C-alpha atoms as a PDB file:
ATOM      1  CA  UNK A   1      -0.480   0.304  -0.111  1.00  0.00           C
ATOM      2  CA  UNK A   2       1.021   3.519  -0.705  1.00  0.00           C
ATOM      3  CA  UNK A   3       0.894   6.470   1.543  1.00  0.00           C
ATOM      4  CA  UNK A   4      -2.305   7.255  -0.160  1.00  0.00           C
ATOM      5  CA  UNK A   5      -4.488   5.021   1.064  1.00  0.00           C
ATOM      6  CA  UNK A   6      -3.663   5.225   4.736  1.00  0.00           C
ATOM      7  CA  UNK A   7      -4.586   9.471   3.946  1.00  0.00           C
ATOM      8  CA  UNK A   8      -8.122   8.223   2.455  1.00  0.00           C
ATOM      9  CA  UNK A   9      -8.583   5.822   5.671  1.00  0.00           C
ATOM     10  CA  UNK A  10      -7.055   8.678   7.813  1.00  0.00           C
ATOM     11  CA  UNK A  11      -9.421  11.596   6.258  1.00  0.00           C
ATOM     12  CA  UNK A  12     -12.814  10.179   6.401  1.00  0.00           C
ATOM     13  CA  UNK A  13     -12.011   8.605   9.230  1.00  0.00           C
ATOM     14  CA  UNK A  14     -11.378  11.965  10.895  1.00  0.00           C
ATOM     15  CA  UNK A  15     -14.676  13.293   8.805  1.00  0.00           C
ATOM     16  CA  UNK A  16     -17.781  13.919  11.392  1.00  0.00           C
ATOM     17  CA  UNK A  17     -20.174  13.500   8.994  1.00  0.00           C
ATOM     18  CA  UNK A  18     -18.410  10.550   7.766  1.00  0.00           C
ATOM     19  CA  UNK A  19     -17.959   8.945  10.812  1.00  0.00           C
ATOM     20  CA  UNK A  20     -21.434   9.664  12.597  1.00  0.00           C
ATOM     21  CA  UNK A  21     -22.693   6.930   9.838  1.00  0.00           C
ATOM     22  CA  UNK A  22     -19.945   4.331  10.222  1.00  0.00           C
ATOM     23  CA  UNK A  23     -17.915   5.065  13.084  1.00  0.00           C
ATOM     24  CA  UNK A  24     -14.350   3.242  12.602  1.00  0.00           C
ATOM     25  CA  UNK A  25     -16.441   0.886   9.882  1.00  0.00           C
ATOM     26  CA  UNK A  26     -13.563   1.663   6.302  1.00  0.00           C
ATOM     27  CA  UNK A  27     -11.771  -1.112   5.117  1.00  0.00           C
ATOM     28  CA  UNK A  28      -9.613  -2.143   2.609  1.00  0.00           C
ATOM     29  CA  UNK A  29     -11.352  -4.187  -0.543  1.00  0.00           C
ATOM     30  CA  UNK A  30     -13.880  -6.090   1.688  1.00  0.00           C
ATOM     31  CA  UNK A  31     -15.999  -5.962   4.494  1.00  0.00           C
ATOM     32  CA  UNK A  32     -15.352  -8.414   6.482  1.00  0.00           C
ATOM     33  CA  UNK A  33     -17.912 -11.444   6.926  1.00  0.00           C
ATOM     34  CA  UNK A  34     -19.454 -10.757  10.022  1.00  0.00           C
ATOM     35  CA  UNK A  35     -19.466  -6.868   9.032  1.00  0.00           C
ATOM     36  CA  UNK A  36     -22.037  -4.232  10.478  1.00  0.00           C
ATOM     37  CA  UNK A  37     -23.535  -1.882   7.875  1.00  0.00           C
ATOM     38  CA  UNK A  38     -22.927   0.548   6.980  1.00  0.00           C
ATOM     39  CA  UNK A  39     -19.250   0.509   5.577  1.00  0.00           C
ATOM     40  CA  UNK A  40     -16.687   2.157   3.594  1.00  0.00           C
ATOM     41  CA  UNK A  41     -14.841   0.066   1.115  1.00  0.00           C
ATOM     42  CA  UNK A  42     -11.773   1.409  -0.607  1.00  0.00           C
ATOM     43  CA  UNK A  43      -9.434  -0.331  -3.485  1.00  0.00           C
ATOM     44  CA  UNK A  44      -6.541   1.156  -5.811  1.00  0.00           C
ATOM     45  CA  UNK A  45      -8.279   0.151  -9.293  1.00  0.00           C
ATOM     46  CA  UNK A  46      -5.198   1.991 -11.436  1.00  0.00           C
ATOM     47  CA  UNK A  47      -2.906   4.623 -12.102  1.00  0.00           C
ATOM     48  CA  UNK A  48       0.511   5.498 -10.254  1.00  0.00           C
ATOM     49  CA  UNK A  49       3.789   7.485 -10.961  1.00  0.00           C
ATOM     50  CA  UNK A  50       3.591  10.264 -12.766  1.00  0.00           C
ATOM     51  CA  UNK A  51       7.130  10.534 -14.864  1.00  0.00           C
ATOM     52  CA  UNK A  52       8.810  13.293 -15.857  1.00  0.00           C
ATOM     53  CA  UNK A  53      11.930  13.333 -18.615  1.00  0.00           C
ATOM     54  CA  UNK A  54      14.282  12.972 -15.512  1.00  0.00           C
ATOM     55  CA  UNK A  55      12.579  10.156 -14.007  1.00  0.00           C
ATOM     56  CA  UNK A  56       9.623  10.084 -11.292  1.00  0.00           C
ATOM     57  CA  UNK A  57       8.270  13.079 -10.194  1.00  0.00           C
ATOM     58  CA  UNK A  58       6.779  12.126  -6.852  1.00  0.00           C
ATOM     59  CA  UNK A  59       3.047  12.475  -8.412  1.00  0.00           C
ATOM     60  CA  UNK A  60       1.071   9.907  -8.292  1.00  0.00           C
ATOM     61  CA  UNK A  61      -2.374   9.628  -9.943  1.00  0.00           C
ATOM     62  CA  UNK A  62      -3.648   6.732  -9.103  1.00  0.00           C
ATOM     63  CA  UNK A  63      -8.236   5.790  -9.487  1.00  0.00           C
ATOM     64  CA  UNK A  64      -8.805   5.012  -5.916  1.00  0.00           C
ATOM     65  CA  UNK A  65     -12.408   3.223  -5.859  1.00  0.00           C
ATOM     66  CA  UNK A  66     -14.671   4.196  -2.462  1.00  0.00           C
ATOM     67  CA  UNK A  67     -17.906   2.487  -2.154  1.00  0.00           C
ATOM     68  CA  UNK A  68     -20.684   2.940   0.151  1.00  0.00           C
ATOM     69  CA  UNK A  69     -22.425  -0.081   1.083  1.00  0.00           C
ATOM     70  CA  UNK A  70     -26.035  -0.502   3.424  1.00  0.00           C
ATOM     71  CA  UNK A  71     -29.506  -2.201   4.513  1.00  0.00           C
ATOM     72  CA  UNK A  72     -30.645   0.943   2.574  1.00  0.00           C
ATOM     73  CA  UNK A  73     -30.789   3.108  -0.430  1.00  0.00           C
ATOM     74  CA  UNK A  74     -30.787   6.581   1.493  1.00  0.00           C
ATOM     75  CA  UNK A  75     -28.301   4.931   3.968  1.00  0.00           C
ATOM     76  CA  UNK A  76     -25.643   4.342   0.869  1.00  0.00           C
ATOM     77  CA  UNK A  77     -26.657   7.561  -0.860  1.00  0.00           C
ATOM     78  CA  UNK A  78     -26.218   9.431   3.199  1.00  0.00           C
ATOM     79  CA  UNK A  79     -22.756   7.475   3.173  1.00  0.00           C
ATOM     80  CA  UNK A  80     -22.092   8.730  -0.825  1.00  0.00           C
ATOM     81  CA  UNK A  81     -22.491  12.543  -0.178  1.00  0.00           C
ATOM     82  CA  UNK A  82     -20.259  11.986   2.879  1.00  0.00           C
ATOM     83  CA  UNK A  83     -17.643  10.704   1.337  1.00  0.00           C
ATOM     84  CA  UNK A  84     -17.790  12.567  -1.386  1.00  0.00           C
ATOM     85  CA  UNK A  85     -17.321  15.930   1.044  1.00  0.00           C
ATOM     86  CA  UNK A  86     -14.443  14.438   2.892  1.00  0.00           C
ATOM     87  CA  UNK A  87     -12.309  14.066  -0.643  1.00  0.00           C
ATOM     88  CA  UNK A  88     -13.299  16.941  -2.115  1.00  0.00           C
ATOM     89  CA  UNK A  89     -12.510  18.987   1.443  1.00  0.00           C
ATOM     90  CA  UNK A  90      -8.937  16.860   1.314  1.00  0.00           C
ATOM     91  CA  UNK A  91      -5.371  18.941   2.264  1.00  0.00           C
ATOM     92  CA  UNK A  92      -2.889  16.649   2.417  1.00  0.00           C
ATOM     93  CA  UNK A  93      -3.941  15.464  -2.140  1.00  0.00           C
ATOM     94  CA  UNK A  94      -6.545  16.194  -4.473  1.00  0.00           C
ATOM     95  CA  UNK A  95      -9.183  13.954  -5.346  1.00  0.00           C
ATOM     96  CA  UNK A  96     -11.704  14.744  -8.507  1.00  0.00           C
ATOM     97  CA  UNK A  97     -14.572  12.612  -8.305  1.00  0.00           C
ATOM     98  CA  UNK A  98     -15.004  10.717 -12.845  1.00  0.00           C
ATOM     99  CA  UNK A  99     -17.989   8.492 -12.114  1.00  0.00           C
ATOM    100  CA  UNK A 100     -20.400   6.854  -9.392  1.00  0.00           C
ATOM    101  CA  UNK A 101     -22.601   4.067  -9.466  1.00  0.00           C
ATOM    102  CA  UNK A 102     -26.034   2.369  -8.164  1.00  0.00           C
ATOM    103  CA  UNK A 103     -25.808  -0.698  -7.518  1.00  0.00           C
ATOM    104  CA  UNK A 104     -28.386  -3.077  -5.604  1.00  0.00           C
ATOM    105  CA  UNK A 105     -26.771  -6.986  -3.667  1.00  0.00           C
ATOM    106  CA  UNK A 106     -29.179  -9.246  -4.367  1.00  0.00           C
ATOM    107  CA  UNK A 107     -27.338 -11.568  -3.049  1.00  0.00           C
ATOM    108  CA  UNK A 108     -26.191 -10.111   0.142  1.00  0.00           C
ATOM    109  CA  UNK A 109     -29.197  -7.961  -0.230  1.00  0.00           C
ATOM    110  CA  UNK A 110     -27.535  -4.051   0.689  1.00  0.00           C
ATOM    111  CA  UNK A 111     -27.194  -0.907  -1.891  1.00  0.00           C
ATOM    112  CA  UNK A 112     -24.114   0.279  -2.608  1.00  0.00           C
ATOM    113  CA  UNK A 113     -22.342   3.096  -4.595  1.00  0.00           C
ATOM    114  CA  UNK A 114     -19.607   3.155  -6.332  1.00  0.00           C
ATOM    115  CA  UNK A 115     -17.597   6.315  -6.608  1.00  0.00           C
ATOM    116  CA  UNK A 116     -14.618   6.426  -8.730  1.00  0.00           C
ATOM    117  CA  UNK A 117     -11.695   9.341  -7.809  1.00  0.00           C
ATOM    118  CA  UNK A 118      -8.473  10.549  -9.954  1.00  0.00           C
ATOM    119  CA  UNK A 119      -6.385  10.920  -7.224  1.00  0.00           C
ATOM    120  CA  UNK A 120      -2.933  13.221  -6.903  1.00  0.00           C
ATOM    121  CA  UNK A 121      -0.825  12.544  -4.173  1.00  0.00           C
ATOM    122  CA  UNK A 122       2.378  14.145  -3.843  1.00  0.00           C
ATOM    123  CA  UNK A 123       4.432  11.641  -2.287  1.00  0.00           C
ATOM    124  CA  UNK A 124       7.621  13.297  -1.785  1.00  0.00           C
END
């Protein structure tokens, strides 16, 4: 894991609007099998280092997927709105929402809002 993912977790966990909805239930990739909803998962989908003619520039621009999962559609949308506000207000990196999708997970009977962010981060 790069230094970016811990910054995202710290941001989300430390944002009142997010923590009021999910507490500390912010997980990499998957919610634990006995996990409580609502919850958030995050994962790096693509991207990486930005190079210049001199080599690695100390910047990276990965695409980060954040999923907001709840037992109701309104719950998933509320978590997504709080996550969006937190990511937009970030000061240790820049995040731009590039896509969001509403999904119903039939097998586990929950709602998910999946958001993809283009994130610019200085690794120096």
